[in-house]
Structure formats: structure tokens, C-alpha cells
Amino acid sequence: MILIIGAMASETEEICHLIQNPDNFTLNGKNVVTGEINGHSVMVMTTGVGKVNAAFGLTSILSSYPVKSIINVGLVGGFKPLQPGDMVLVKEATYHDFDLSIFGYEKGQVPHLPTVYEPNKILFEQVNQKLQLNSVKLYTGDTFLTHIIEPNTICDMEGAAYFQVAHLMNTKIISIKIISDIVGEENQLEDYSAFEKVCSNRFKSLIEKLLF
């Protein structure tokens, strides 16, 4: 089974319209739809916003269902020279708000876990060949960022948590994001609000291309 996971209904709701013979239910309070897309057994979950919601939702699924691979979709903030509307593939993910460097760990590193999480190499190459997207680093934290971290990277509030759970549960994962706003720009909040209203159709088209 392929799990398609996102934080908000605005990111996942149109994808659910692709599902044949859908079954809608809740799992530990999270909305889930199962069925098939072009012969692929799929599950779509909306976890809610933030690292804890992301980790709890994904752990609930992986503890209960035989998921072979995870596709994470979602909106992100971007740092120049990236632009609003760019679709990107995550090549590595880490936390920008986790810091135990005073104890000798790298910034972003949860003790005894990688500092940076990487997608499954085979899935990454397959998606890259189909879509030919720019691949970038993702920073995750429980803050809607308005200050610059690193040029040509992206930020969100869930991605690295999905990667961490996938790492712990030994499950393949890839992450594809759409840049809704450029961090620090004057119209950042307005750009984000506008993209949130229309992004779900782009993720629907993305999944149609991947699962043909």
C-alpha cells in the first residue's frame, strides 16, 4: 500500500477524488481515505499541522497497516532564489528548532538519530526521472518562519517529523512540496493564503502523474 500524507485538508482533499471505491474513516482522530488509484492500493491521511500531529498520525498508520512507501505532499515556505509556485523534491530534511549542541550534538539532531534524513534513493530517482524537479533541503520546526535560514532551501512544520518516523519504522519515503511563499518577503502572508486555496489541485495532478 502507498500512503499519501499531508498536514492540511487543502493539500490532500482533491487527491481523494482520484480514489476509486473510497472508504472514509478516522484513525485516532485523523481523517483517512483508502481505495485504489489506477490499480495502486492507496491510503490518504491528513495529519494536522505541526511536528507532533505529523509524527502521531504517521505512527498510527504505520503501526496498523502494511505501508510499503510514503509520499508526503505539502506547502512550504521558500528561500530565494526559489519562487512561489515552484514544485520541489526534498533531498534531505532536518529540524531548525531542535538544538542540543551544548551537549555535543549537531544542531537539528535528535540524540542517537541522524542529523539529516534522506528519502529512499530508489523512489527519489524514479520521481526525479518522471518530474525532473529541483531538489532542495527542507528545514522543519513548529514556527511559521519569517526570517531567512539558508538560500535555496525550504521550510515547513511537519516534513522532518514524517522522515524521522519513517526512519524509525524502516519505511520508504519521498516528499514533494510546492512553495507557497518566500520567507521574509513583504507579501509573504498574502502569498501563503492565496496558495493554500488552490494548491490541492496541483497535488492531485502530481499524484496522477506518479501513479499512472
N, C-alpha and C. Protein backbone atom coordinates (compact mmCIF):
# COMPACT_ATOMS: atom_id res chain seq x y z
N MET A 1 0.83 -1.19 0.00
CA MET A 1 0.00 0.00 0.00
C MET A 1 0.87 1.25 0.00
N ILE A 2 0.45 2.27 -0.77
CA ILE A 2 1.13 3.56 -0.82
C ILE A 2 0.36 4.53 0.07
N LEU A 3 1.06 5.17 0.98
CA LEU A 3 0.45 6.18 1.84
C LEU A 3 0.80 7.56 1.30
N ILE A 4 -0.23 8.36 1.05
CA ILE A 4 -0.06 9.77 0.67
C ILE A 4 -0.46 10.59 1.87
N ILE A 5 0.45 11.41 2.36
CA ILE A 5 0.21 12.08 3.64
C ILE A 5 0.51 13.57 3.54
N GLY A 6 -0.34 14.36 4.17
CA GLY A 6 -0.15 15.80 4.23
C GLY A 6 -0.72 16.34 5.51
N ALA A 7 -0.40 17.57 5.81
CA ALA A 7 -0.82 18.15 7.09
C ALA A 7 -2.23 18.71 7.06
N MET A 8 -2.62 19.31 5.91
CA MET A 8 -3.89 20.04 5.85
C MET A 8 -4.80 19.47 4.77
N ALA A 9 -6.10 19.60 5.00
CA ALA A 9 -7.08 19.15 4.01
C ALA A 9 -6.90 19.87 2.68
N SER A 10 -6.47 21.13 2.73
CA SER A 10 -6.27 21.88 1.49
C SER A 10 -5.17 21.27 0.63
N GLU A 11 -4.32 20.44 1.23
CA GLU A 11 -3.25 19.77 0.48
C GLU A 11 -3.68 18.40 -0.04
N THR A 12 -4.65 17.78 0.61
CA THR A 12 -4.99 16.37 0.31
C THR A 12 -6.37 16.14 -0.27
N GLU A 13 -7.30 17.07 -0.10
CA GLU A 13 -8.69 16.78 -0.40
C GLU A 13 -8.94 16.44 -1.87
N GLU A 14 -8.29 17.12 -2.80
CA GLU A 14 -8.51 16.83 -4.21
C GLU A 14 -7.88 15.49 -4.60
N ILE A 15 -6.80 15.10 -3.95
CA ILE A 15 -6.20 13.78 -4.22
C ILE A 15 -7.22 12.68 -3.92
N CYS A 16 -8.01 12.87 -2.88
CA CYS A 16 -9.00 11.85 -2.51
C CYS A 16 -10.04 11.62 -3.61
N HIS A 17 -10.26 12.63 -4.46
CA HIS A 17 -11.22 12.48 -5.55
C HIS A 17 -10.72 11.54 -6.64
N LEU A 18 -9.42 11.22 -6.62
CA LEU A 18 -8.87 10.25 -7.58
C LEU A 18 -9.15 8.81 -7.17
N ILE A 19 -9.50 8.61 -5.92
CA ILE A 19 -9.58 7.25 -5.37
C ILE A 19 -10.86 6.56 -5.82
N GLN A 20 -10.68 5.36 -6.37
CA GLN A 20 -11.82 4.53 -6.73
C GLN A 20 -12.24 3.68 -5.53
N ASN A 21 -13.55 3.53 -5.36
CA ASN A 21 -14.13 2.77 -4.24
C ASN A 21 -13.57 3.24 -2.90
N PRO A 22 -13.70 4.53 -2.62
CA PRO A 22 -13.09 5.06 -1.40
C PRO A 22 -13.80 4.61 -0.13
N ASP A 23 -13.03 4.44 0.89
CA ASP A 23 -13.53 4.15 2.23
C ASP A 23 -13.00 5.24 3.15
N ASN A 24 -13.90 6.02 3.74
CA ASN A 24 -13.52 7.13 4.60
C ASN A 24 -13.69 6.74 6.06
N PHE A 25 -12.68 7.03 6.87
CA PHE A 25 -12.79 6.75 8.29
C PHE A 25 -11.80 7.62 9.05
N THR A 26 -11.85 7.55 10.37
CA THR A 26 -10.87 8.26 11.19
C THR A 26 -10.04 7.24 11.96
N LEU A 27 -8.77 7.55 12.12
CA LEU A 27 -7.85 6.72 12.89
C LEU A 27 -7.21 7.60 13.95
N ASN A 28 -7.52 7.34 15.20
CA ASN A 28 -7.02 8.17 16.30
C ASN A 28 -7.26 9.65 16.05
N GLY A 29 -8.46 9.93 15.51
CA GLY A 29 -8.86 11.31 15.29
C GLY A 29 -8.39 11.94 14.00
N LYS A 30 -7.65 11.17 13.17
CA LYS A 30 -7.12 11.69 11.91
C LYS A 30 -7.95 11.18 10.74
N ASN A 31 -8.22 12.05 9.77
CA ASN A 31 -9.02 11.67 8.61
C ASN A 31 -8.21 10.81 7.64
N VAL A 32 -8.81 9.68 7.21
CA VAL A 32 -8.13 8.74 6.32
C VAL A 32 -9.10 8.30 5.24
N VAL A 33 -8.58 8.16 4.02
CA VAL A 33 -9.35 7.60 2.90
C VAL A 33 -8.51 6.50 2.27
N THR A 34 -9.11 5.33 2.05
CA THR A 34 -8.41 4.23 1.38
C THR A 34 -9.14 3.85 0.10
N GLY A 35 -8.44 3.18 -0.80
CA GLY A 35 -9.02 2.71 -2.05
C GLY A 35 -7.92 2.45 -3.06
N GLU A 36 -8.21 2.72 -4.34
CA GLU A 36 -7.24 2.50 -5.41
C GLU A 36 -7.14 3.71 -6.32
N ILE A 37 -5.94 3.96 -6.81
CA ILE A 37 -5.71 4.94 -7.86
C ILE A 37 -4.95 4.23 -8.98
N ASN A 38 -5.61 4.08 -10.12
CA ASN A 38 -5.00 3.42 -11.28
C ASN A 38 -4.39 2.06 -10.93
N GLY A 39 -5.12 1.30 -10.13
CA GLY A 39 -4.68 -0.04 -9.77
C GLY A 39 -3.74 -0.11 -8.58
N HIS A 40 -3.32 1.03 -8.07
CA HIS A 40 -2.44 1.07 -6.89
C HIS A 40 -3.29 1.15 -5.63
N SER A 41 -3.02 0.31 -4.67
CA SER A 41 -3.67 0.39 -3.37
C SER A 41 -3.10 1.59 -2.62
N VAL A 42 -3.98 2.52 -2.22
CA VAL A 42 -3.51 3.76 -1.61
C VAL A 42 -4.28 4.08 -0.33
N MET A 43 -3.67 4.92 0.46
CA MET A 43 -4.29 5.49 1.64
C MET A 43 -3.87 6.95 1.70
N VAL A 44 -4.81 7.84 1.96
CA VAL A 44 -4.53 9.26 2.11
C VAL A 44 -4.86 9.67 3.53
N MET A 45 -3.89 10.27 4.22
CA MET A 45 -4.13 10.76 5.58
C MET A 45 -3.82 12.24 5.68
N THR A 46 -4.67 12.95 6.42
CA THR A 46 -4.44 14.35 6.77
C THR A 46 -4.14 14.38 8.26
N THR A 47 -2.91 14.78 8.60
CA THR A 47 -2.45 14.62 9.98
C THR A 47 -2.76 15.78 10.90
N GLY A 48 -2.94 16.96 10.33
CA GLY A 48 -2.96 18.16 11.14
C GLY A 48 -1.58 18.80 11.14
N VAL A 49 -1.52 20.05 11.58
CA VAL A 49 -0.32 20.87 11.47
C VAL A 49 0.62 20.64 12.67
N GLY A 50 1.92 20.67 12.39
CA GLY A 50 2.92 20.61 13.45
C GLY A 50 3.58 19.26 13.56
N LYS A 51 4.75 19.24 14.21
CA LYS A 51 5.56 18.03 14.29
C LYS A 51 4.87 16.91 15.06
N VAL A 52 4.21 17.24 16.16
CA VAL A 52 3.56 16.19 16.97
C VAL A 52 2.41 15.56 16.21
N ASN A 53 1.55 16.38 15.59
CA ASN A 53 0.47 15.84 14.78
C ASN A 53 1.00 14.96 13.65
N ALA A 54 2.06 15.44 13.00
CA ALA A 54 2.65 14.69 11.88
C ALA A 54 3.16 13.33 12.36
N ALA A 55 3.92 13.32 13.43
CA ALA A 55 4.51 12.08 13.93
C ALA A 55 3.44 11.14 14.46
N PHE A 56 2.46 11.67 15.17
CA PHE A 56 1.39 10.84 15.73
C PHE A 56 0.56 10.20 14.62
N GLY A 57 0.20 11.00 13.62
CA GLY A 57 -0.61 10.47 12.52
C GLY A 57 0.11 9.39 11.75
N LEU A 58 1.36 9.65 11.39
CA LEU A 58 2.10 8.67 10.60
C LEU A 58 2.38 7.41 11.41
N THR A 59 2.71 7.56 12.67
CA THR A 59 2.94 6.39 13.52
C THR A 59 1.68 5.55 13.65
N SER A 60 0.53 6.20 13.76
CA SER A 60 -0.74 5.47 13.85
C SER A 60 -0.96 4.60 12.63
N ILE A 61 -0.66 5.14 11.45
CA ILE A 61 -0.84 4.38 10.21
C ILE A 61 0.16 3.24 10.12
N LEU A 62 1.43 3.55 10.33
CA LEU A 62 2.47 2.53 10.13
C LEU A 62 2.38 1.41 11.17
N SER A 63 1.77 1.69 12.30
CA SER A 63 1.59 0.66 13.34
C SER A 63 0.39 -0.24 13.05
N SER A 64 -0.46 0.17 12.11
CA SER A 64 -1.72 -0.55 11.90
C SER A 64 -1.89 -1.12 10.50
N TYR A 65 -1.14 -0.61 9.51
CA TYR A 65 -1.36 -1.01 8.12
C TYR A 65 -0.03 -1.33 7.44
N PRO A 66 -0.06 -2.20 6.44
CA PRO A 66 1.17 -2.61 5.73
C PRO A 66 1.57 -1.62 4.64
N VAL A 67 2.10 -0.49 5.03
CA VAL A 67 2.50 0.56 4.10
C VAL A 67 3.89 0.23 3.54
N LYS A 68 4.00 0.22 2.21
CA LYS A 68 5.29 -0.05 1.57
C LYS A 68 6.08 1.22 1.31
N SER A 69 5.37 2.32 1.04
CA SER A 69 6.06 3.57 0.75
C SER A 69 5.16 4.75 1.08
N ILE A 70 5.80 5.89 1.36
CA ILE A 70 5.10 7.11 1.76
C ILE A 70 5.42 8.21 0.77
N ILE A 71 4.37 8.91 0.33
CA ILE A 71 4.54 10.13 -0.45
C ILE A 71 3.99 11.28 0.39
N ASN A 72 4.87 12.16 0.80
CA ASN A 72 4.44 13.35 1.54
C ASN A 72 4.31 14.52 0.59
N VAL A 73 3.14 15.19 0.65
CA VAL A 73 2.93 16.40 -0.15
C VAL A 73 2.59 17.55 0.80
N GLY A 74 2.89 18.76 0.38
CA GLY A 74 2.55 19.88 1.24
C GLY A 74 3.10 21.20 0.76
N LEU A 75 2.55 22.26 1.33
CA LEU A 75 3.04 23.61 1.07
C LEU A 75 4.23 23.91 1.96
N VAL A 76 5.14 24.72 1.45
CA VAL A 76 6.32 25.12 2.22
C VAL A 76 6.64 26.59 1.95
N GLY A 77 7.36 27.18 2.89
CA GLY A 77 7.99 28.45 2.63
C GLY A 77 9.30 28.21 1.89
N GLY A 78 9.69 29.15 1.08
CA GLY A 78 10.93 29.02 0.32
C GLY A 78 11.86 30.18 0.57
N PHE A 79 13.15 29.93 0.34
CA PHE A 79 14.16 30.98 0.45
C PHE A 79 14.72 31.25 -0.95
N LYS A 80 14.86 32.52 -1.29
CA LYS A 80 15.38 32.88 -2.61
C LYS A 80 16.69 32.14 -2.91
N PRO A 81 16.93 31.81 -4.18
CA PRO A 81 16.24 32.26 -5.40
C PRO A 81 15.00 31.45 -5.78
N LEU A 82 14.51 30.55 -4.92
CA LEU A 82 13.26 29.85 -5.20
C LEU A 82 12.12 30.86 -5.27
N GLN A 83 11.05 30.46 -5.98
CA GLN A 83 9.93 31.37 -6.22
C GLN A 83 8.60 30.71 -5.86
N PRO A 84 7.58 31.52 -5.51
CA PRO A 84 6.25 30.96 -5.25
C PRO A 84 5.76 30.16 -6.44
N GLY A 85 5.17 29.01 -6.18
CA GLY A 85 4.66 28.15 -7.24
C GLY A 85 5.62 27.06 -7.66
N ASP A 86 6.91 27.19 -7.30
CA ASP A 86 7.88 26.13 -7.63
C ASP A 86 7.50 24.84 -6.93
N MET A 87 7.56 23.74 -7.66
CA MET A 87 7.40 22.41 -7.06
C MET A 87 8.79 21.81 -6.93
N VAL A 88 9.11 21.28 -5.76
CA VAL A 88 10.46 20.79 -5.49
C VAL A 88 10.41 19.42 -4.83
N LEU A 89 11.51 18.71 -4.95
CA LEU A 89 11.68 17.38 -4.37
C LEU A 89 12.66 17.50 -3.20
N VAL A 90 12.30 16.97 -2.06
CA VAL A 90 13.15 17.07 -0.87
C VAL A 90 14.28 16.05 -0.96
N LYS A 91 15.53 16.53 -0.92
CA LYS A 91 16.68 15.63 -0.97
C LYS A 91 17.22 15.31 0.42
N GLU A 92 16.90 16.16 1.41
CA GLU A 92 17.26 15.91 2.80
C GLU A 92 16.41 16.80 3.69
N ALA A 93 16.18 16.32 4.92
CA ALA A 93 15.32 17.05 5.84
C ALA A 93 15.93 17.06 7.23
N THR A 94 15.78 18.19 7.92
CA THR A 94 16.30 18.32 9.28
C THR A 94 15.43 19.32 10.03
N TYR A 95 15.71 19.49 11.33
CA TYR A 95 14.96 20.44 12.15
C TYR A 95 15.75 21.74 12.33
N HIS A 96 15.04 22.86 12.25
CA HIS A 96 15.70 24.14 12.51
C HIS A 96 15.49 24.60 13.95
N ASP A 97 14.60 23.93 14.70
CA ASP A 97 14.28 24.39 16.05
C ASP A 97 14.65 23.38 17.13
N PHE A 98 15.45 22.37 16.77
CA PHE A 98 15.91 21.39 17.75
C PHE A 98 17.40 21.58 17.93
N ASP A 99 17.83 21.89 19.16
CA ASP A 99 19.23 22.25 19.35
C ASP A 99 19.74 21.75 20.70
N LEU A 100 20.51 20.67 20.67
CA LEU A 100 21.21 20.16 21.84
C LEU A 100 22.72 20.22 21.61
N SER A 101 23.14 21.24 20.83
CA SER A 101 24.57 21.36 20.52
C SER A 101 25.40 21.61 21.77
N ILE A 102 24.79 22.14 22.83
CA ILE A 102 25.51 22.35 24.09
C ILE A 102 26.02 21.03 24.67
N PHE A 103 25.38 19.92 24.27
CA PHE A 103 25.79 18.60 24.73
C PHE A 103 26.60 17.84 23.68
N GLY A 104 27.01 18.53 22.64
CA GLY A 104 27.86 17.91 21.63
C GLY A 104 27.15 17.35 20.43
N TYR A 105 25.82 17.48 20.37
CA TYR A 105 25.08 17.04 19.19
C TYR A 105 25.10 18.15 18.13
N GLU A 106 24.88 17.76 16.89
CA GLU A 106 24.75 18.76 15.83
C GLU A 106 23.40 19.45 15.96
N LYS A 107 23.35 20.70 15.55
CA LYS A 107 22.07 21.41 15.57
C LYS A 107 21.09 20.69 14.65
N GLY A 108 19.89 20.46 15.16
CA GLY A 108 18.88 19.73 14.41
C GLY A 108 18.86 18.24 14.69
N GLN A 109 19.86 17.74 15.41
CA GLN A 109 19.97 16.30 15.64
C GLN A 109 19.27 15.89 16.93
N VAL A 110 18.30 14.98 16.80
CA VAL A 110 17.72 14.32 17.97
C VAL A 110 18.72 13.27 18.43
N PRO A 111 19.02 13.19 19.73
CA PRO A 111 20.05 12.24 20.19
C PRO A 111 19.86 10.83 19.65
N HIS A 112 20.97 10.27 19.15
CA HIS A 112 21.04 8.90 18.65
C HIS A 112 20.29 8.69 17.34
N LEU A 113 19.96 9.78 16.67
CA LEU A 113 19.31 9.72 15.36
C LEU A 113 20.09 10.59 14.38
N PRO A 114 19.87 10.42 13.08
CA PRO A 114 20.60 11.24 12.10
C PRO A 114 20.30 12.73 12.27
N THR A 115 21.26 13.55 11.93
CA THR A 115 21.01 14.99 11.88
C THR A 115 20.14 15.33 10.68
N VAL A 116 20.41 14.64 9.57
CA VAL A 116 19.69 14.87 8.32
C VAL A 116 19.09 13.55 7.86
N TYR A 117 17.81 13.60 7.48
CA TYR A 117 17.12 12.42 6.96
C TYR A 117 17.05 12.52 5.44
N GLU A 118 17.24 11.40 4.78
CA GLU A 118 17.21 11.38 3.33
C GLU A 118 16.05 10.51 2.83
N PRO A 119 15.52 10.83 1.65
CA PRO A 119 14.46 9.99 1.08
C PRO A 119 15.03 8.66 0.60
N ASN A 120 14.14 7.72 0.35
CA ASN A 120 14.56 6.46 -0.25
C ASN A 120 15.19 6.74 -1.61
N LYS A 121 16.38 6.24 -1.83
CA LYS A 121 17.14 6.59 -3.04
C LYS A 121 16.44 6.11 -4.32
N ILE A 122 15.87 4.91 -4.29
CA ILE A 122 15.21 4.38 -5.49
C ILE A 122 13.98 5.20 -5.82
N LEU A 123 13.13 5.48 -4.82
CA LEU A 123 11.94 6.30 -5.05
C LEU A 123 12.33 7.70 -5.51
N PHE A 124 13.36 8.25 -4.91
CA PHE A 124 13.82 9.59 -5.28
C PHE A 124 14.19 9.64 -6.75
N GLU A 125 14.96 8.67 -7.21
CA GLU A 125 15.38 8.65 -8.61
C GLU A 125 14.20 8.43 -9.55
N GLN A 126 13.27 7.57 -9.16
CA GLN A 126 12.10 7.32 -10.00
C GLN A 126 11.27 8.59 -10.16
N VAL A 127 11.03 9.28 -9.06
CA VAL A 127 10.24 10.51 -9.11
C VAL A 127 11.01 11.59 -9.86
N ASN A 128 12.29 11.67 -9.65
CA ASN A 128 13.11 12.68 -10.32
C ASN A 128 13.10 12.49 -11.83
N GLN A 129 13.14 11.24 -12.29
CA GLN A 129 13.10 10.96 -13.72
C GLN A 129 11.76 11.35 -14.32
N LYS A 130 10.67 11.12 -13.56
CA LYS A 130 9.33 11.43 -14.08
C LYS A 130 9.06 12.93 -14.10
N LEU A 131 9.47 13.62 -13.05
CA LEU A 131 9.06 15.00 -12.87
C LEU A 131 10.16 16.02 -13.12
N GLN A 132 11.43 15.59 -12.99
CA GLN A 132 12.58 16.48 -13.21
C GLN A 132 12.45 17.79 -12.42
N LEU A 133 12.29 17.64 -11.11
CA LEU A 133 12.13 18.78 -10.22
C LEU A 133 13.47 19.20 -9.62
N ASN A 134 13.56 20.44 -9.22
CA ASN A 134 14.68 20.91 -8.43
C ASN A 134 14.65 20.20 -7.08
N SER A 135 15.79 19.70 -6.61
CA SER A 135 15.84 19.02 -5.32
C SER A 135 16.52 19.92 -4.30
N VAL A 136 15.92 20.03 -3.11
CA VAL A 136 16.37 21.01 -2.12
C VAL A 136 16.34 20.41 -0.72
N LYS A 137 16.98 21.12 0.20
CA LYS A 137 16.98 20.75 1.61
C LYS A 137 15.75 21.35 2.29
N LEU A 138 15.16 20.57 3.22
CA LEU A 138 13.98 21.00 3.97
C LEU A 138 14.34 21.21 5.44
N TYR A 139 13.93 22.36 5.98
CA TYR A 139 14.03 22.63 7.41
C TYR A 139 12.63 22.60 8.02
N THR A 140 12.48 21.89 9.14
CA THR A 140 11.18 21.76 9.79
C THR A 140 11.24 22.28 11.21
N GLY A 141 10.18 22.95 11.63
CA GLY A 141 10.07 23.43 13.01
C GLY A 141 8.66 23.92 13.29
N ASP A 142 8.32 24.04 14.56
CA ASP A 142 6.97 24.45 14.96
C ASP A 142 6.84 25.97 14.99
N THR A 143 7.28 26.60 13.91
CA THR A 143 7.20 28.05 13.77
C THR A 143 6.95 28.39 12.30
N PHE A 144 6.02 29.30 12.04
CA PHE A 144 5.86 29.84 10.69
C PHE A 144 6.96 30.88 10.50
N LEU A 145 8.00 30.51 9.78
CA LEU A 145 9.19 31.34 9.70
C LEU A 145 8.98 32.61 8.89
N THR A 146 9.55 33.69 9.37
CA THR A 146 9.56 34.96 8.63
C THR A 146 10.98 35.50 8.50
N HIS A 147 11.98 34.69 8.90
CA HIS A 147 13.38 35.11 8.74
C HIS A 147 14.13 34.03 7.96
N ILE A 148 15.19 34.43 7.30
CA ILE A 148 15.92 33.56 6.38
C ILE A 148 16.84 32.63 7.16
N ILE A 149 16.84 31.34 6.77
CA ILE A 149 17.78 30.36 7.33
C ILE A 149 18.94 30.10 6.37
N GLU A 150 18.60 29.71 5.13
CA GLU A 150 19.63 29.34 4.16
C GLU A 150 19.07 29.51 2.75
N PRO A 151 19.78 30.18 1.85
CA PRO A 151 19.28 30.36 0.49
C PRO A 151 19.03 29.03 -0.21
N ASN A 152 18.05 29.04 -1.10
CA ASN A 152 17.73 27.89 -1.96
C ASN A 152 17.34 26.64 -1.16
N THR A 153 16.68 26.86 -0.02
CA THR A 153 16.12 25.76 0.77
C THR A 153 14.66 26.08 1.05
N ILE A 154 13.98 25.16 1.73
CA ILE A 154 12.56 25.34 2.05
C ILE A 154 12.32 25.04 3.53
N CYS A 155 11.16 25.44 4.03
CA CYS A 155 10.82 25.19 5.44
C CYS A 155 9.35 24.86 5.57
N ASP A 156 9.05 23.98 6.54
CA ASP A 156 7.67 23.66 6.86
C ASP A 156 7.57 23.31 8.34
N MET A 157 6.40 22.75 8.74
CA MET A 157 6.17 22.44 10.15
C MET A 157 5.96 20.95 10.40
N GLU A 158 6.16 20.11 9.36
CA GLU A 158 5.90 18.67 9.53
C GLU A 158 6.93 17.75 8.89
N GLY A 159 7.57 18.17 7.81
CA GLY A 159 8.30 17.25 6.94
C GLY A 159 9.34 16.38 7.61
N ALA A 160 10.23 16.98 8.40
CA ALA A 160 11.28 16.19 9.04
C ALA A 160 10.70 15.20 10.04
N ALA A 161 9.55 15.53 10.63
CA ALA A 161 8.90 14.59 11.55
C ALA A 161 8.42 13.36 10.79
N TYR A 162 7.86 13.55 9.60
CA TYR A 162 7.49 12.40 8.77
C TYR A 162 8.73 11.56 8.46
N PHE A 163 9.80 12.21 8.10
CA PHE A 163 11.04 11.50 7.77
C PHE A 163 11.58 10.74 8.98
N GLN A 164 11.52 11.36 10.15
CA GLN A 164 12.03 10.70 11.35
C GLN A 164 11.23 9.44 11.67
N VAL A 165 9.90 9.53 11.60
CA VAL A 165 9.07 8.36 11.86
C VAL A 165 9.32 7.27 10.82
N ALA A 166 9.43 7.66 9.55
CA ALA A 166 9.71 6.68 8.50
C ALA A 166 11.04 5.99 8.75
N HIS A 167 12.03 6.75 9.21
CA HIS A 167 13.34 6.18 9.55
C HIS A 167 13.20 5.17 10.67
N LEU A 168 12.48 5.53 11.72
CA LEU A 168 12.32 4.65 12.88
C LEU A 168 11.51 3.40 12.53
N MET A 169 10.57 3.54 11.60
CA MET A 169 9.70 2.42 11.22
C MET A 169 10.20 1.71 9.97
N ASN A 170 11.38 2.12 9.48
CA ASN A 170 12.01 1.46 8.34
C ASN A 170 11.08 1.40 7.12
N THR A 171 10.51 2.56 6.77
CA THR A 171 9.56 2.65 5.66
C THR A 171 10.06 3.68 4.64
N LYS A 172 9.95 3.35 3.36
CA LYS A 172 10.42 4.23 2.30
C LYS A 172 9.59 5.51 2.27
N ILE A 173 10.26 6.64 2.05
CA ILE A 173 9.55 7.92 1.98
C ILE A 173 10.18 8.84 0.95
N ILE A 174 9.32 9.61 0.29
CA ILE A 174 9.74 10.75 -0.51
C ILE A 174 8.83 11.92 -0.16
N SER A 175 9.28 13.13 -0.46
CA SER A 175 8.49 14.31 -0.13
C SER A 175 8.57 15.30 -1.29
N ILE A 176 7.39 15.75 -1.72
CA ILE A 176 7.28 16.69 -2.83
C ILE A 176 6.50 17.90 -2.34
N LYS A 177 7.07 19.07 -2.50
CA LYS A 177 6.49 20.28 -1.91
C LYS A 177 6.25 21.35 -2.97
N ILE A 178 5.28 22.22 -2.69
CA ILE A 178 5.03 23.40 -3.51
C ILE A 178 5.31 24.63 -2.66
N ILE A 179 6.08 25.55 -3.19
CA ILE A 179 6.42 26.77 -2.45
C ILE A 179 5.25 27.75 -2.52
N SER A 180 4.72 28.07 -1.35
CA SER A 180 3.57 28.96 -1.28
C SER A 180 3.97 30.41 -1.07
N ASP A 181 5.11 30.62 -0.46
CA ASP A 181 5.53 31.98 -0.11
C ASP A 181 7.05 32.02 0.03
N ILE A 182 7.61 33.19 -0.16
CA ILE A 182 9.05 33.39 0.02
C ILE A 182 9.27 34.06 1.37
N VAL A 183 10.02 33.38 2.21
CA VAL A 183 10.20 33.81 3.60
C VAL A 183 10.88 35.18 3.65
N GLY A 184 10.28 36.09 4.42
CA GLY A 184 10.83 37.43 4.59
C GLY A 184 10.34 38.46 3.61
N GLU A 185 9.62 38.03 2.57
CA GLU A 185 9.11 38.98 1.58
C GLU A 185 7.92 39.77 2.16
N GLU A 186 7.69 40.94 1.64
CA GLU A 186 6.64 41.83 2.15
C GLU A 186 5.26 41.19 2.08
N ASN A 187 4.99 40.44 1.00
CA ASN A 187 3.67 39.84 0.80
C ASN A 187 3.63 38.37 1.20
N GLN A 188 4.50 37.96 2.12
CA GLN A 188 4.60 36.54 2.46
C GLN A 188 3.28 35.94 2.92
N LEU A 189 2.59 36.57 3.85
CA LEU A 189 1.35 36.01 4.39
C LEU A 189 0.25 35.99 3.32
N GLU A 190 0.18 37.04 2.51
CA GLU A 190 -0.83 37.07 1.44
C GLU A 190 -0.58 35.98 0.41
N ASP A 191 0.69 35.78 0.06
CA ASP A 191 1.03 34.73 -0.90
C ASP A 191 0.66 33.36 -0.36
N TYR A 192 0.95 33.13 0.92
CA TYR A 192 0.63 31.84 1.52
C TYR A 192 -0.88 31.59 1.48
N SER A 193 -1.65 32.56 1.88
CA SER A 193 -3.11 32.39 1.92
C SER A 193 -3.68 32.09 0.55
N ALA A 194 -3.15 32.78 -0.47
CA ALA A 194 -3.64 32.55 -1.83
C ALA A 194 -3.29 31.15 -2.31
N PHE A 195 -2.09 30.68 -2.04
CA PHE A 195 -1.69 29.34 -2.49
C PHE A 195 -2.43 28.24 -1.76
N GLU A 196 -2.73 28.45 -0.49
CA GLU A 196 -3.42 27.41 0.27
C GLU A 196 -4.78 27.09 -0.34
N LYS A 197 -5.42 28.08 -0.95
CA LYS A 197 -6.75 27.89 -1.51
C LYS A 197 -6.74 27.08 -2.81
N VAL A 198 -5.61 27.04 -3.51
CA VAL A 198 -5.59 26.43 -4.85
C VAL A 198 -4.61 25.27 -4.97
N CYS A 199 -3.88 24.97 -3.91
CA CYS A 199 -2.78 24.00 -4.05
C CYS A 199 -3.25 22.57 -4.25
N SER A 200 -4.43 22.22 -3.74
CA SER A 200 -4.83 20.82 -3.74
C SER A 200 -4.94 20.26 -5.15
N ASN A 201 -5.38 21.06 -6.12
CA ASN A 201 -5.48 20.58 -7.49
C ASN A 201 -4.11 20.28 -8.08
N ARG A 202 -3.10 21.03 -7.69
CA ARG A 202 -1.75 20.74 -8.18
C ARG A 202 -1.23 19.42 -7.60
N PHE A 203 -1.53 19.17 -6.34
CA PHE A 203 -1.12 17.89 -5.76
C PHE A 203 -1.90 16.73 -6.39
N LYS A 204 -3.16 16.96 -6.74
CA LYS A 204 -3.94 15.94 -7.45
C LYS A 204 -3.29 15.62 -8.78
N SER A 205 -2.90 16.63 -9.54
CA SER A 205 -2.24 16.39 -10.82
C SER A 205 -0.91 15.68 -10.64
N LEU A 206 -0.20 16.03 -9.58
CA LEU A 206 1.08 15.37 -9.27
C LEU A 206 0.88 13.88 -9.05
N ILE A 207 -0.09 13.52 -8.22
CA ILE A 207 -0.33 12.11 -7.92
C ILE A 207 -0.80 11.36 -9.17
N GLU A 208 -1.59 12.02 -10.01
CA GLU A 208 -2.00 11.39 -11.28
C GLU A 208 -0.79 11.04 -12.14
N LYS A 209 0.22 11.91 -12.16
CA LYS A 209 1.43 11.65 -12.94
C LYS A 209 2.25 10.51 -12.33
N LEU A 210 2.32 10.48 -11.00
CA LEU A 210 3.16 9.46 -10.34
C LEU A 210 2.52 8.08 -10.37
N LEU A 211 1.20 8.02 -10.23
CA LEU A 211 0.52 6.74 -10.12
C LEU A 211 -0.31 6.46 -11.38
N PHE A 212 0.36 6.45 -12.52
CA PHE A 212 -0.35 6.16 -13.77
C PHE A 212 -0.19 4.70 -14.15
